[in-house]
Every structure is written in structure tokens, then in C-alpha cells.
Amino acid sequence: MKIVFFGTPPFAAQILQYLFDHGVSVAAIITQPDRPKGRNLELAPSAVKAAALHISPASLLLQPEKASDPQFLLQLENLHADLFVVVAYGQILSQKLLVIPKLGCINVHASLLPRYRGAAPIQRCLLNGDRETGVSIQKMVFQLDAGDVIDEAKMSIPLEMTFGELQQALCDLSKPLLLSVLKRYHSGVPSARAQDSSLVTMAPKIKPEDMEIRWNRSAVDLHNLIRALSPRPGAWCWMENKERKRLKILRSRVCEEEGTPGALLAFQKDRCIVAAQTGSLELVEVQPEGKKAMPVADWIRGCPVPPKFFIE
């Protein structure tokens, strides 16, 4: 079976590596063009490109600016592929592209469809405090994440789990699931279940204005916001310690102590507790503006006076 792999970030790179390690042959690898990164804005390859050059330098590697480009579509047609496998590629694929492979296109999506269709399923399930999630392998159609589901795998979500930790767990869950689905394609197109349209929820990207910690919300809501954005881009709040600066909070715990929202309820040795609208938050890991992430005890030692937090 001739497979073309589409993917871009580390999540996809790990899955590509797993497929190669388990003997899956990939005829071509499609990823996003090199992009400027770092302080010097030097062009850097995607994680998938870096992995491809390491594990399979002989494989055809294509980086179209737009996957809808007619010349690129012609290149894909000339490959005469049986199946396209898409894992966090980062572009919407046109109907013209989806009909190219003989057996169609499949996609790895990090939610239990039809819940959380869209770009940020992992962050949205954490924001909502879900206790269970999973991955789905779907047949792709020209409607966002609406294809029939071939298979899925579920997992529970611990209360303290962050976005980075959940993303890795879902990646690990995806690897054997995708391999199992690919094996089924050797016998033809596998059966799949249609999604229940009445259960659809969407997972749009997180906007910059949604990343601010506002202490007039409940401690549970703020805790979920913090872990949904950790380690990147990081939920943040305004605080003043000699001068007004941003403080990213990367890990927290919900506490029962009550107080005026934004009030500092504890600030000693290794404990910093801030009151929310209901309950309070104990800060566990923080990143002061212009500095690296650190345990809260290290941050406390570096504060000349207790900080003041702002509600707005």
C-alpha cells in the first residue's frame, strides 16, 4: 500500500517515527514550509521535516506554501498513492486533494469525535474540566472533522494534568491506534461509524484575550485555564512587585481558602495562595516576565516584597 504522510508539529513527527519503526513504508512526506523562529528569526524546518531528514532522507519531501496549489496537486496525482494519512498538518485540504488517493484520506484527531471538532481540541477539553478524552481516526471529508470514525481510543484526565502532558499522552495513544487502522486498509477500506451531529461541539483556537487570568472567576475555572495553556503559551496575570509586570502561572492547585478576589492569602517559603471569586489558587510553577519558568519557592525567594495582584 502506497502512503503519503501529511504533518507538521512534534505530535506528527513522533507518529511518523513510530510508523517507520514499525515497518510502514511512506512514499512521500508533506509538511509546512520552513518558518522564521527564535530571536534572530532564522528559517527553521518543521518537526516533521527534521524527523523525515533523519529517519528517511531518501523519501520524497514536499513543502507547498498552499496545499491547494495546482502544481502541487499534480505532483500528488503522479504519486498514484493509495492512502493519505494526515496528522496535524496545519492547512485545510481541498476536495480536489481529498479525492486523489484510491482509498481516500484519514486523519488523526485528538478528541473523541464529534466532540471538539477544530484546531484546539486538547486545550478546550482541559478548559472545560473534562475527565475523559481520547483520539479518533476519521475518514476525511470536506467539512471540518466531520468524517466517519474508523476507530478511537479513550483515556482519563487527571485533575492536575497540563496541556503538554495530555498532548504527549494522546500522541502515545494515537501511535498503535493508527498502526492498527493502517493494517486494516491492507484488506480494503475499513468500516466506520457516522458522527452524531446532535453531539457536535467545536474547539476553536485560543485567542490572546482568553489567556489572561482574572481573579473574579472561580478557582476551578482558573486552574483549568492555567493547565490548558501550560507550558505554552501560558496563562498570565498582572502583578506588581516594585513595578507592574506579567506573571505566567504554569501549574496550580485549587484550595478552599476564601478571600477578596486577587487578595494574597499566603506568601511564605514555598507557598503562594491567591483568592479567586470562589475558592483560591495555590501557585506551583510560575514564569516572571523576562525570566525562565521556576518553582514558586524560587520565585518567592527573589521577591523583595509580597506582590500585589490585580482583578482586571
C-alpha atoms as a PDB file:
ATOM      1  CA  MET A   1       0.000   0.000   0.000  1.00  0.00           C
ATOM      2  CA  LYS A   2       1.401   3.374  -1.044  1.00  0.00           C
ATOM      3  CA  ILE A   3       1.025   6.004   1.711  1.00  0.00           C
ATOM      4  CA  VAL A   4       1.597   9.764   1.688  1.00  0.00           C
ATOM      5  CA  PHE A   5       2.012  11.353   5.131  1.00  0.00           C
ATOM      6  CA  PHE A   6       0.938  14.943   5.945  1.00  0.00           C
ATOM      7  CA  GLY A   7       2.076  16.527   9.218  1.00  0.00           C
ATOM      8  CA  THR A   8       3.975  19.410  10.784  1.00  0.00           C
ATOM      9  CA  PRO A   9       4.462  19.674  14.603  1.00  0.00           C
ATOM     10  CA  PRO A  10       6.253  17.332  17.054  1.00  0.00           C
ATOM     11  CA  PHE A  11       2.988  15.434  17.652  1.00  0.00           C
ATOM     12  CA  ALA A  12       3.003  14.398  13.980  1.00  0.00           C
ATOM     13  CA  ALA A  13       6.780  13.829  13.914  1.00  0.00           C
ATOM     14  CA  GLN A  14       6.537  11.290  16.734  1.00  0.00           C
ATOM     15  CA  ILE A  15       3.802   9.404  14.922  1.00  0.00           C
ATOM     16  CA  LEU A  16       5.820   9.401  11.687  1.00  0.00           C
ATOM     17  CA  GLN A  17       8.807   7.990  13.580  1.00  0.00           C
ATOM     18  CA  TYR A  18       6.578   5.279  15.090  1.00  0.00           C
ATOM     19  CA  LEU A  19       5.272   4.241  11.676  1.00  0.00           C
ATOM     20  CA  PHE A  20       8.797   3.948  10.300  1.00  0.00           C
ATOM     21  CA  ASP A  21       9.884   1.967  13.373  1.00  0.00           C
ATOM     22  CA  HIS A  22       7.052  -0.495  12.724  1.00  0.00           C
ATOM     23  CA  GLY A  23       7.825  -1.071   9.078  1.00  0.00           C
ATOM     24  CA  VAL A  24       5.272   1.244   7.451  1.00  0.00           C
ATOM     25  CA  SER A  25       6.543   2.461   4.090  1.00  0.00           C
ATOM     26  CA  VAL A  26       5.831   6.113   3.273  1.00  0.00           C
ATOM     27  CA  ALA A  27       6.133   7.173  -0.364  1.00  0.00           C
ATOM     28  CA  ALA A  28       6.160  10.933   0.340  1.00  0.00           C
ATOM     29  CA  ILE A  29       6.069  13.291   3.300  1.00  0.00           C
ATOM     30  CA  ILE A  30       4.229  16.617   3.118  1.00  0.00           C
ATOM     31  CA  THR A  31       4.863  19.359   5.663  1.00  0.00           C
ATOM     32  CA  GLN A  32       4.692  23.126   6.032  1.00  0.00           C
ATOM     33  CA  PRO A  33       7.468  25.341   4.588  1.00  0.00           C
ATOM     34  CA  ASP A  34      10.371  26.364   6.803  1.00  0.00           C
ATOM     35  CA  ARG A  35       9.348  29.290   9.027  1.00  0.00           C
ATOM     36  CA  PRO A  36      11.288  32.019  10.886  1.00  0.00           C
ATOM     37  CA  LYS A  37      11.897  31.058  14.528  1.00  0.00           C
ATOM     38  CA  GLY A  38      13.813  32.303  17.524  1.00  0.00           C
ATOM     39  CA  ARG A  39      15.076  35.763  18.353  1.00  0.00           C
ATOM     40  CA  ASN A  40      17.016  36.001  15.104  1.00  0.00           C
ATOM     41  CA  LEU A  41      14.020  34.792  13.055  1.00  0.00           C
ATOM     42  CA  GLU A  42      16.154  32.293  11.172  1.00  0.00           C
ATOM     43  CA  LEU A  43      14.341  29.836   8.908  1.00  0.00           C
ATOM     44  CA  ALA A  44      13.814  26.525  10.675  1.00  0.00           C
ATOM     45  CA  PRO A  45      12.268  23.260   9.463  1.00  0.00           C
ATOM     46  CA  SER A  46       9.108  21.810  10.918  1.00  0.00           C
ATOM     47  CA  ALA A  47       9.437  18.920  13.365  1.00  0.00           C
ATOM     48  CA  VAL A  48       8.172  16.547  10.662  1.00  0.00           C
ATOM     49  CA  LYS A  49      10.778  17.738   8.160  1.00  0.00           C
ATOM     50  CA  ALA A  50      13.548  17.334  10.721  1.00  0.00           C
ATOM     51  CA  ALA A  51      12.339  13.827  11.530  1.00  0.00           C
ATOM     52  CA  ALA A  52      11.992  12.892   7.861  1.00  0.00           C
ATOM     53  CA  LEU A  53      15.535  14.001   7.035  1.00  0.00           C
ATOM     54  CA  HIS A  54      16.814  11.891   9.921  1.00  0.00           C
ATOM     55  CA  ILE A  55      14.825   8.690   9.571  1.00  0.00           C
ATOM     56  CA  SER A  56      14.174   8.587   5.818  1.00  0.00           C
ATOM     57  CA  PRO A  57      16.360  11.026   3.866  1.00  0.00           C
ATOM     58  CA  ALA A  58      15.531   9.212   0.623  1.00  0.00           C
ATOM     59  CA  SER A  59      11.779   9.828   0.946  1.00  0.00           C
ATOM     60  CA  LEU A  60      10.198  12.497  -1.231  1.00  0.00           C
ATOM     61  CA  LEU A  61       9.681  15.614   0.899  1.00  0.00           C
ATOM     62  CA  LEU A  62       7.318  18.354  -0.286  1.00  0.00           C
ATOM     63  CA  GLN A  63       6.627  21.720   1.398  1.00  0.00           C
ATOM     64  CA  PRO A  64       3.953  23.603  -0.536  1.00  0.00           C
ATOM     65  CA  GLU A  65       3.023  27.074   0.641  1.00  0.00           C
ATOM     66  CA  LYS A  66      -0.565  26.170  -0.165  1.00  0.00           C
ATOM     67  CA  ALA A  67      -1.838  22.604  -0.404  1.00  0.00           C
ATOM     68  CA  SER A  68      -4.408  23.798  -2.949  1.00  0.00           C
ATOM     69  CA  ASP A  69      -1.726  24.859  -5.446  1.00  0.00           C
ATOM     70  CA  PRO A  70      -2.481  23.178  -8.837  1.00  0.00           C
ATOM     71  CA  GLN A  71       1.139  22.207  -9.408  1.00  0.00           C
ATOM     72  CA  PHE A  72       1.314  20.527  -6.005  1.00  0.00           C
ATOM     73  CA  LEU A  73      -1.960  18.674  -6.671  1.00  0.00           C
ATOM     74  CA  LEU A  74      -0.464  17.397  -9.910  1.00  0.00           C
ATOM     75  CA  GLN A  75       2.583  16.134  -8.017  1.00  0.00           C
ATOM     76  CA  LEU A  76       0.300  14.242  -5.661  1.00  0.00           C
ATOM     77  CA  GLU A  77      -1.666  12.718  -8.534  1.00  0.00           C
ATOM     78  CA  ASN A  78       1.546  11.499 -10.141  1.00  0.00           C
ATOM     79  CA  LEU A  79       2.441   9.580  -6.979  1.00  0.00           C
ATOM     80  CA  HIS A  80      -0.552   7.250  -7.533  1.00  0.00           C
ATOM     81  CA  ALA A  81      -0.949   6.839  -3.778  1.00  0.00           C
ATOM     82  CA  ASP A  82      -3.445   4.511  -2.154  1.00  0.00           C
ATOM     83  CA  LEU A  83      -3.948   6.458   1.070  1.00  0.00           C
ATOM     84  CA  PHE A  84      -3.176   9.885   2.544  1.00  0.00           C
ATOM     85  CA  VAL A  85      -2.522   9.985   6.307  1.00  0.00           C
ATOM     86  CA  VAL A  86      -2.946  13.436   7.884  1.00  0.00           C
ATOM     87  CA  VAL A  87      -1.708  14.305  11.392  1.00  0.00           C
ATOM     88  CA  ALA A  88      -1.852  17.983  12.446  1.00  0.00           C
ATOM     89  CA  TYR A  89      -0.758  19.229   9.032  1.00  0.00           C
ATOM     90  CA  GLY A  90      -1.967  22.788   9.591  1.00  0.00           C
ATOM     91  CA  GLN A  91      -3.858  23.540   6.386  1.00  0.00           C
ATOM     92  CA  ILE A  92      -7.411  22.870   5.262  1.00  0.00           C
ATOM     93  CA  LEU A  93      -7.285  20.303   2.461  1.00  0.00           C
ATOM     94  CA  SER A  94      -9.406  20.909  -0.620  1.00  0.00           C
ATOM     95  CA  GLN A  95     -11.905  18.478  -2.072  1.00  0.00           C
ATOM     96  CA  LYS A  96      -9.636  18.154  -5.118  1.00  0.00           C
ATOM     97  CA  LEU A  97      -6.876  16.877  -2.860  1.00  0.00           C
ATOM     98  CA  LEU A  98      -9.074  14.585  -0.781  1.00  0.00           C
ATOM     99  CA  VAL A  99     -10.242  12.592  -3.814  1.00  0.00           C
ATOM    100  CA  ILE A 100      -6.738  11.899  -5.165  1.00  0.00           C
ATOM    101  CA  PRO A 101      -5.811   8.683  -3.284  1.00  0.00           C
ATOM    102  CA  LYS A 102      -7.569   5.456  -4.233  1.00  0.00           C
ATOM    103  CA  LEU A 103      -8.572   4.590  -0.659  1.00  0.00           C
ATOM    104  CA  GLY A 104      -9.209   8.146   0.490  1.00  0.00           C
ATOM    105  CA  CYS A 105      -7.674  10.186   3.315  1.00  0.00           C
ATOM    106  CA  ILE A 106      -7.636   9.530   7.047  1.00  0.00           C
ATOM    107  CA  ASN A 107      -6.900  11.918   9.881  1.00  0.00           C
ATOM    108  CA  VAL A 108      -5.740  11.537  13.485  1.00  0.00           C
ATOM    109  CA  HIS A 109      -7.800  13.906  15.653  1.00  0.00           C
ATOM    110  CA  ALA A 110      -7.077  14.463  19.347  1.00  0.00           C
ATOM    111  CA  SER A 111     -10.605  14.169  20.701  1.00  0.00           C
ATOM    112  CA  LEU A 112     -13.498  11.740  20.858  1.00  0.00           C
ATOM    113  CA  LEU A 113     -15.453  12.939  17.840  1.00  0.00           C
ATOM    114  CA  PRO A 114     -17.948  14.518  17.390  1.00  0.00           C
ATOM    115  CA  ARG A 115     -16.756  16.434  20.485  1.00  0.00           C
ATOM    116  CA  TYR A 116     -14.201  19.172  19.923  1.00  0.00           C
ATOM    117  CA  ARG A 117     -14.006  19.483  16.172  1.00  0.00           C
ATOM    118  CA  GLY A 118     -11.457  22.111  15.228  1.00  0.00           C
ATOM    119  CA  ALA A 119      -7.960  23.401  15.908  1.00  0.00           C
ATOM    120  CA  ALA A 120      -7.688  23.196  19.719  1.00  0.00           C
ATOM    121  CA  PRO A 121      -9.371  20.012  20.977  1.00  0.00           C
ATOM    122  CA  ILE A 122      -6.819  19.296  23.722  1.00  0.00           C
ATOM    123  CA  GLN A 123      -6.899  22.809  25.178  1.00  0.00           C
ATOM    124  CA  ARG A 124     -10.685  23.039  25.018  1.00  0.00           C
ATOM    125  CA  CYS A 125     -11.287  19.777  26.877  1.00  0.00           C
ATOM    126  CA  LEU A 126      -8.953  20.978  29.653  1.00  0.00           C
ATOM    127  CA  LEU A 127     -10.631  24.387  29.764  1.00  0.00           C
ATOM    128  CA  ASN A 128     -13.962  22.644  30.276  1.00  0.00           C
ATOM    129  CA  GLY A 129     -12.588  20.399  33.017  1.00  0.00           C
ATOM    130  CA  ASP A 130     -13.349  17.161  31.158  1.00  0.00           C
ATOM    131  CA  ARG A 131     -12.343  13.976  32.936  1.00  0.00           C
ATOM    132  CA  GLU A 132     -12.077  11.861  29.774  1.00  0.00           C
ATOM    133  CA  THR A 133     -10.813  12.371  26.245  1.00  0.00           C
ATOM    134  CA  GLY A 134      -9.112  10.349  23.534  1.00  0.00           C
ATOM    135  CA  VAL A 135      -8.146  10.175  19.874  1.00  0.00           C
ATOM    136  CA  SER A 136     -10.194   9.386  16.786  1.00  0.00           C
ATOM    137  CA  ILE A 137      -9.132   8.111  13.378  1.00  0.00           C
ATOM    138  CA  GLN A 138     -11.587   9.539  10.864  1.00  0.00           C
ATOM    139  CA  LYS A 139     -12.157   9.374   7.131  1.00  0.00           C
ATOM    140  CA  MET A 140     -11.648  12.892   5.839  1.00  0.00           C
ATOM    141  CA  VAL A 141     -14.411  14.838   4.108  1.00  0.00           C
ATOM    142  CA  PHE A 142     -14.577  18.472   3.031  1.00  0.00           C
ATOM    143  CA  GLN A 143     -16.193  19.567   6.295  1.00  0.00           C
ATOM    144  CA  LEU A 144     -14.156  20.231   9.408  1.00  0.00           C
ATOM    145  CA  ASP A 145     -13.582  16.964  11.320  1.00  0.00           C
ATOM    146  CA  ALA A 146     -16.959  15.603  10.195  1.00  0.00           C
ATOM    147  CA  GLY A 147     -15.819  12.325   8.635  1.00  0.00           C
ATOM    148  CA  ASP A 148     -16.916   8.858   9.707  1.00  0.00           C
ATOM    149  CA  VAL A 149     -14.859   7.476  12.611  1.00  0.00           C
ATOM    150  CA  ILE A 150     -12.949   4.264  11.908  1.00  0.00           C
ATOM    151  CA  ASP A 151     -11.679   3.764  15.454  1.00  0.00           C
ATOM    152  CA  GLU A 152     -10.998   5.598  18.705  1.00  0.00           C
ATOM    153  CA  ALA A 153      -9.115   5.172  21.971  1.00  0.00           C
ATOM    154  CA  LYS A 154     -10.044   6.738  25.316  1.00  0.00           C
ATOM    155  CA  MET A 155      -8.141   7.890  28.385  1.00  0.00           C
ATOM    156  CA  SER A 156      -8.938   9.596  31.687  1.00  0.00           C
ATOM    157  CA  ILE A 157      -7.585  13.062  32.505  1.00  0.00           C
ATOM    158  CA  PRO A 158      -6.037  13.599  35.970  1.00  0.00           C
ATOM    159  CA  LEU A 159      -7.067  16.869  37.614  1.00  0.00           C
ATOM    160  CA  GLU A 160      -3.530  18.278  37.593  1.00  0.00           C
ATOM    161  CA  MET A 161      -2.607  17.235  34.018  1.00  0.00           C
ATOM    162  CA  THR A 162      -1.391  20.074  31.787  1.00  0.00           C
ATOM    163  CA  PHE A 163      -1.769  20.604  28.054  1.00  0.00           C
ATOM    164  CA  GLY A 164       1.802  19.463  27.406  1.00  0.00           C
ATOM    165  CA  GLU A 165       1.313  16.262  29.394  1.00  0.00           C
ATOM    166  CA  LEU A 166      -2.054  15.460  27.839  1.00  0.00           C
ATOM    167  CA  GLN A 167      -0.767  16.159  24.337  1.00  0.00           C
ATOM    168  CA  GLN A 168       2.045  13.636  24.845  1.00  0.00           C
ATOM    169  CA  ALA A 169      -0.331  11.062  26.315  1.00  0.00           C
ATOM    170  CA  LEU A 170      -2.673  11.418  23.336  1.00  0.00           C
ATOM    171  CA  CYS A 171       0.249  11.148  20.933  1.00  0.00           C
ATOM    172  CA  ASP A 172       1.283   7.884  22.591  1.00  0.00           C
ATOM    173  CA  LEU A 173      -2.324   6.694  22.397  1.00  0.00           C
ATOM    174  CA  SER A 174      -2.505   7.570  18.691  1.00  0.00           C
ATOM    175  CA  LYS A 175       0.512   5.562  17.585  1.00  0.00           C
ATOM    176  CA  PRO A 176      -0.748   1.975  17.980  1.00  0.00           C
ATOM    177  CA  LEU A 177      -4.297   3.026  17.053  1.00  0.00           C
ATOM    178  CA  LEU A 178      -3.174   4.435  13.710  1.00  0.00           C
ATOM    179  CA  LEU A 179      -0.962   1.439  13.017  1.00  0.00           C
ATOM    180  CA  SER A 180      -3.929  -0.869  13.648  1.00  0.00           C
ATOM    181  CA  VAL A 181      -6.109   1.121  11.241  1.00  0.00           C
ATOM    182  CA  LEU A 182      -3.419   1.057   8.544  1.00  0.00           C
ATOM    183  CA  LYS A 183      -3.217  -2.729   8.806  1.00  0.00           C
ATOM    184  CA  ARG A 184      -6.961  -2.920   8.170  1.00  0.00           C
ATOM    185  CA  TYR A 185      -6.523  -0.928   4.962  1.00  0.00           C
ATOM    186  CA  HIS A 186      -4.480  -3.778   3.509  1.00  0.00           C
ATOM    187  CA  SER A 187      -7.789  -5.636   3.200  1.00  0.00           C
ATOM    188  CA  GLY A 188      -9.687  -2.680   1.732  1.00  0.00           C
ATOM    189  CA  VAL A 189     -11.431   0.363   3.135  1.00  0.00           C
ATOM    190  CA  PRO A 190     -12.474  -0.427   6.743  1.00  0.00           C
ATOM    191  CA  SER A 191     -15.967   0.206   8.063  1.00  0.00           C
ATOM    192  CA  ALA A 192     -16.649   3.365  10.087  1.00  0.00           C
ATOM    193  CA  ARG A 193     -19.449   4.943  12.115  1.00  0.00           C
ATOM    194  CA  ALA A 194     -21.099   8.212  11.209  1.00  0.00           C
ATOM    195  CA  GLN A 195     -20.819  11.011  13.745  1.00  0.00           C
ATOM    196  CA  ASP A 196     -23.929  12.046  15.649  1.00  0.00           C
ATOM    197  CA  SER A 197     -24.473  15.635  14.522  1.00  0.00           C
ATOM    198  CA  SER A 198     -26.544  16.406  17.643  1.00  0.00           C
ATOM    199  CA  LEU A 199     -23.443  15.894  19.813  1.00  0.00           C
ATOM    200  CA  VAL A 200     -21.079  18.155  17.877  1.00  0.00           C
ATOM    201  CA  THR A 201     -19.017  20.677  19.850  1.00  0.00           C
ATOM    202  CA  MET A 202     -16.345  22.948  18.389  1.00  0.00           C
ATOM    203  CA  ALA A 203     -12.784  23.670  19.515  1.00  0.00           C
ATOM    204  CA  PRO A 204     -11.637  26.981  18.010  1.00  0.00           C
ATOM    205  CA  LYS A 205      -8.139  28.353  18.623  1.00  0.00           C
ATOM    206  CA  ILE A 206      -7.474  30.076  21.910  1.00  0.00           C
ATOM    207  CA  LYS A 207      -7.398  33.868  21.431  1.00  0.00           C
ATOM    208  CA  PRO A 208      -4.792  36.096  23.145  1.00  0.00           C
ATOM    209  CA  GLU A 209      -7.509  37.828  25.162  1.00  0.00           C
ATOM    210  CA  ASP A 210      -8.586  34.443  26.576  1.00  0.00           C
ATOM    211  CA  MET A 211      -5.166  33.846  28.166  1.00  0.00           C
ATOM    212  CA  GLU A 212      -5.427  36.425  30.963  1.00  0.00           C
ATOM    213  CA  ILE A 213      -6.120  35.195  34.483  1.00  0.00           C
ATOM    214  CA  ARG A 214      -8.931  37.278  36.004  1.00  0.00           C
ATOM    215  CA  TRP A 215      -9.278  36.635  39.720  1.00  0.00           C
ATOM    216  CA  ASN A 216     -13.015  37.359  39.711  1.00  0.00           C
ATOM    217  CA  ARG A 217     -13.561  33.910  38.214  1.00  0.00           C
ATOM    218  CA  SER A 218     -13.774  30.680  40.209  1.00  0.00           C
ATOM    219  CA  ALA A 219     -10.565  28.938  41.274  1.00  0.00           C
ATOM    220  CA  VAL A 220     -11.614  25.814  39.357  1.00  0.00           C
ATOM    221  CA  ASP A 221     -12.070  27.770  36.130  1.00  0.00           C
ATOM    222  CA  LEU A 222      -8.706  29.492  36.573  1.00  0.00           C
ATOM    223  CA  HIS A 223      -6.950  26.214  37.345  1.00  0.00           C
ATOM    224  CA  ASN A 224      -8.377  24.718  34.145  1.00  0.00           C
ATOM    225  CA  LEU A 225      -7.253  27.773  32.159  1.00  0.00           C
ATOM    226  CA  ILE A 226      -3.724  27.504  33.569  1.00  0.00           C
ATOM    227  CA  ARG A 227      -3.269  23.829  32.758  1.00  0.00           C
ATOM    228  CA  ALA A 228      -4.886  24.217  29.317  1.00  0.00           C
ATOM    229  CA  LEU A 229      -2.174  26.727  28.357  1.00  0.00           C
ATOM    230  CA  SER A 230       0.833  25.117  30.048  1.00  0.00           C
ATOM    231  CA  PRO A 231       3.651  25.065  29.131  1.00  0.00           C
ATOM    232  CA  ARG A 232       2.836  27.261  26.114  1.00  0.00           C
ATOM    233  CA  PRO A 233       1.657  29.914  25.556  1.00  0.00           C
ATOM    234  CA  GLY A 234       0.951  30.231  29.278  1.00  0.00           C
ATOM    235  CA  ALA A 235      -1.929  31.849  31.166  1.00  0.00           C
ATOM    236  CA  TRP A 236      -0.874  35.110  32.789  1.00  0.00           C
ATOM    237  CA  CYS A 237      -1.960  37.767  35.263  1.00  0.00           C
ATOM    238  CA  TRP A 238      -0.889  41.278  36.182  1.00  0.00           C
ATOM    239  CA  MET A 239       1.080  41.673  39.385  1.00  0.00           C
ATOM    240  CA  GLU A 240       3.077  44.443  40.990  1.00  0.00           C
ATOM    241  CA  ASN A 241       6.360  43.956  42.834  1.00  0.00           C
ATOM    242  CA  LYS A 242       8.177  47.290  42.623  1.00  0.00           C
ATOM    243  CA  GLU A 243       6.762  47.551  39.088  1.00  0.00           C
ATOM    244  CA  ARG A 244       3.744  46.214  37.206  1.00  0.00           C
ATOM    245  CA  LYS A 245       4.589  43.104  35.174  1.00  0.00           C
ATOM    246  CA  ARG A 246       3.034  39.980  33.793  1.00  0.00           C
ATOM    247  CA  LEU A 247       3.362  36.695  35.632  1.00  0.00           C
ATOM    248  CA  LYS A 248       2.676  33.431  33.823  1.00  0.00           C
ATOM    249  CA  ILE A 249       1.282  30.687  36.024  1.00  0.00           C
ATOM    250  CA  LEU A 250       2.144  27.259  34.630  1.00  0.00           C
ATOM    251  CA  ARG A 251       0.945  24.983  37.437  1.00  0.00           C
ATOM    252  CA  SER A 252      -1.573  25.481  40.212  1.00  0.00           C
ATOM    253  CA  ARG A 253      -3.760  23.738  42.769  1.00  0.00           C
ATOM    254  CA  VAL A 254      -7.308  24.573  43.818  1.00  0.00           C
ATOM    255  CA  CYS A 255      -7.635  25.471  47.511  1.00  0.00           C
ATOM    256  CA  GLU A 256     -10.627  26.019  49.785  1.00  0.00           C
ATOM    257  CA  GLU A 257      -9.434  29.257  51.398  1.00  0.00           C
ATOM    258  CA  GLU A 258     -11.683  32.221  50.635  1.00  0.00           C
ATOM    259  CA  GLY A 259     -10.944  35.932  50.318  1.00  0.00           C
ATOM    260  CA  THR A 260     -11.407  39.015  48.183  1.00  0.00           C
ATOM    261  CA  PRO A 261     -10.595  38.127  44.547  1.00  0.00           C
ATOM    262  CA  GLY A 262      -6.929  38.860  43.867  1.00  0.00           C
ATOM    263  CA  ALA A 263      -6.001  39.054  47.572  1.00  0.00           C
ATOM    264  CA  LEU A 264      -2.764  37.344  48.632  1.00  0.00           C
ATOM    265  CA  LEU A 265      -3.749  34.765  51.276  1.00  0.00           C
ATOM    266  CA  ALA A 266      -0.296  33.224  51.763  1.00  0.00           C
ATOM    267  CA  PHE A 267       3.205  34.197  50.675  1.00  0.00           C
ATOM    268  CA  GLN A 268       5.942  32.428  52.596  1.00  0.00           C
ATOM    269  CA  LYS A 269       8.735  29.936  51.855  1.00  0.00           C
ATOM    270  CA  ASP A 270       7.196  27.696  49.199  1.00  0.00           C
ATOM    271  CA  ARG A 271       3.512  28.752  49.385  1.00  0.00           C
ATOM    272  CA  CYS A 272       1.712  31.425  47.435  1.00  0.00           C
ATOM    273  CA  ILE A 273      -2.094  31.400  47.558  1.00  0.00           C
ATOM    274  CA  VAL A 274      -4.291  33.930  45.747  1.00  0.00           C
ATOM    275  CA  ALA A 275      -8.034  34.298  46.330  1.00  0.00           C
ATOM    276  CA  ALA A 276     -10.443  33.821  43.440  1.00  0.00           C
ATOM    277  CA  GLN A 277     -14.164  34.571  43.214  1.00  0.00           C
ATOM    278  CA  THR A 278     -14.847  31.207  44.837  1.00  0.00           C
ATOM    279  CA  GLY A 279     -12.014  29.285  46.454  1.00  0.00           C
ATOM    280  CA  SER A 280      -8.383  30.146  45.821  1.00  0.00           C
ATOM    281  CA  LEU A 281      -5.332  29.039  43.861  1.00  0.00           C
ATOM    282  CA  GLU A 282      -2.001  27.846  45.149  1.00  0.00           C
ATOM    283  CA  LEU A 283       0.709  28.734  42.636  1.00  0.00           C
ATOM    284  CA  VAL A 284       3.081  25.815  41.986  1.00  0.00           C
ATOM    285  CA  GLU A 285       5.159  26.868  38.971  1.00  0.00           C
ATOM    286  CA  VAL A 286       5.471  30.384  37.557  1.00  0.00           C
ATOM    287  CA  GLN A 287       7.357  32.350  34.927  1.00  0.00           C
ATOM    288  CA  PRO A 288       8.002  36.008  35.737  1.00  0.00           C
ATOM    289  CA  GLU A 289       8.145  38.367  32.769  1.00  0.00           C
ATOM    290  CA  GLY A 290      11.551  38.152  31.057  1.00  0.00           C
ATOM    291  CA  LYS A 291      12.654  35.085  33.046  1.00  0.00           C
ATOM    292  CA  LYS A 292      12.531  31.296  32.829  1.00  0.00           C
ATOM    293  CA  ALA A 293       9.900  29.077  34.395  1.00  0.00           C
ATOM    294  CA  MET A 294      10.627  28.204  38.024  1.00  0.00           C
ATOM    295  CA  PRO A 295       9.113  26.539  41.111  1.00  0.00           C
ATOM    296  CA  VAL A 296       7.145  29.009  43.167  1.00  0.00           C
ATOM    297  CA  ALA A 297       9.633  28.713  46.060  1.00  0.00           C
ATOM    298  CA  ASP A 298      12.406  30.109  43.850  1.00  0.00           C
ATOM    299  CA  TRP A 299      10.188  32.972  42.763  1.00  0.00           C
ATOM    300  CA  ILE A 300       9.234  33.816  46.360  1.00  0.00           C
ATOM    301  CA  ARG A 301      12.905  33.970  47.380  1.00  0.00           C
ATOM    302  CA  GLY A 302      13.525  36.510  44.620  1.00  0.00           C
ATOM    303  CA  CYS A 303      10.642  38.823  45.599  1.00  0.00           C
ATOM    304  CA  PRO A 304      11.768  41.709  47.835  1.00  0.00           C
ATOM    305  CA  VAL A 305       8.191  42.374  48.942  1.00  0.00           C
ATOM    306  CA  PRO A 306       4.955  40.370  48.556  1.00  0.00           C
ATOM    307  CA  PRO A 307       3.385  41.085  45.166  1.00  0.00           C
ATOM    308  CA  LYS A 308       0.049  42.702  44.555  1.00  0.00           C
ATOM    309  CA  PHE A 309      -2.349  41.010  42.131  1.00  0.00           C
ATOM    310  CA  PHE A 310      -4.920  42.867  40.026  1.00  0.00           C
ATOM    311  CA  ILE A 311      -8.500  41.847  39.301  1.00  0.00           C
ATOM    312  CA  GLU A 312      -8.796  43.474  35.854  1.00  0.00           C
END
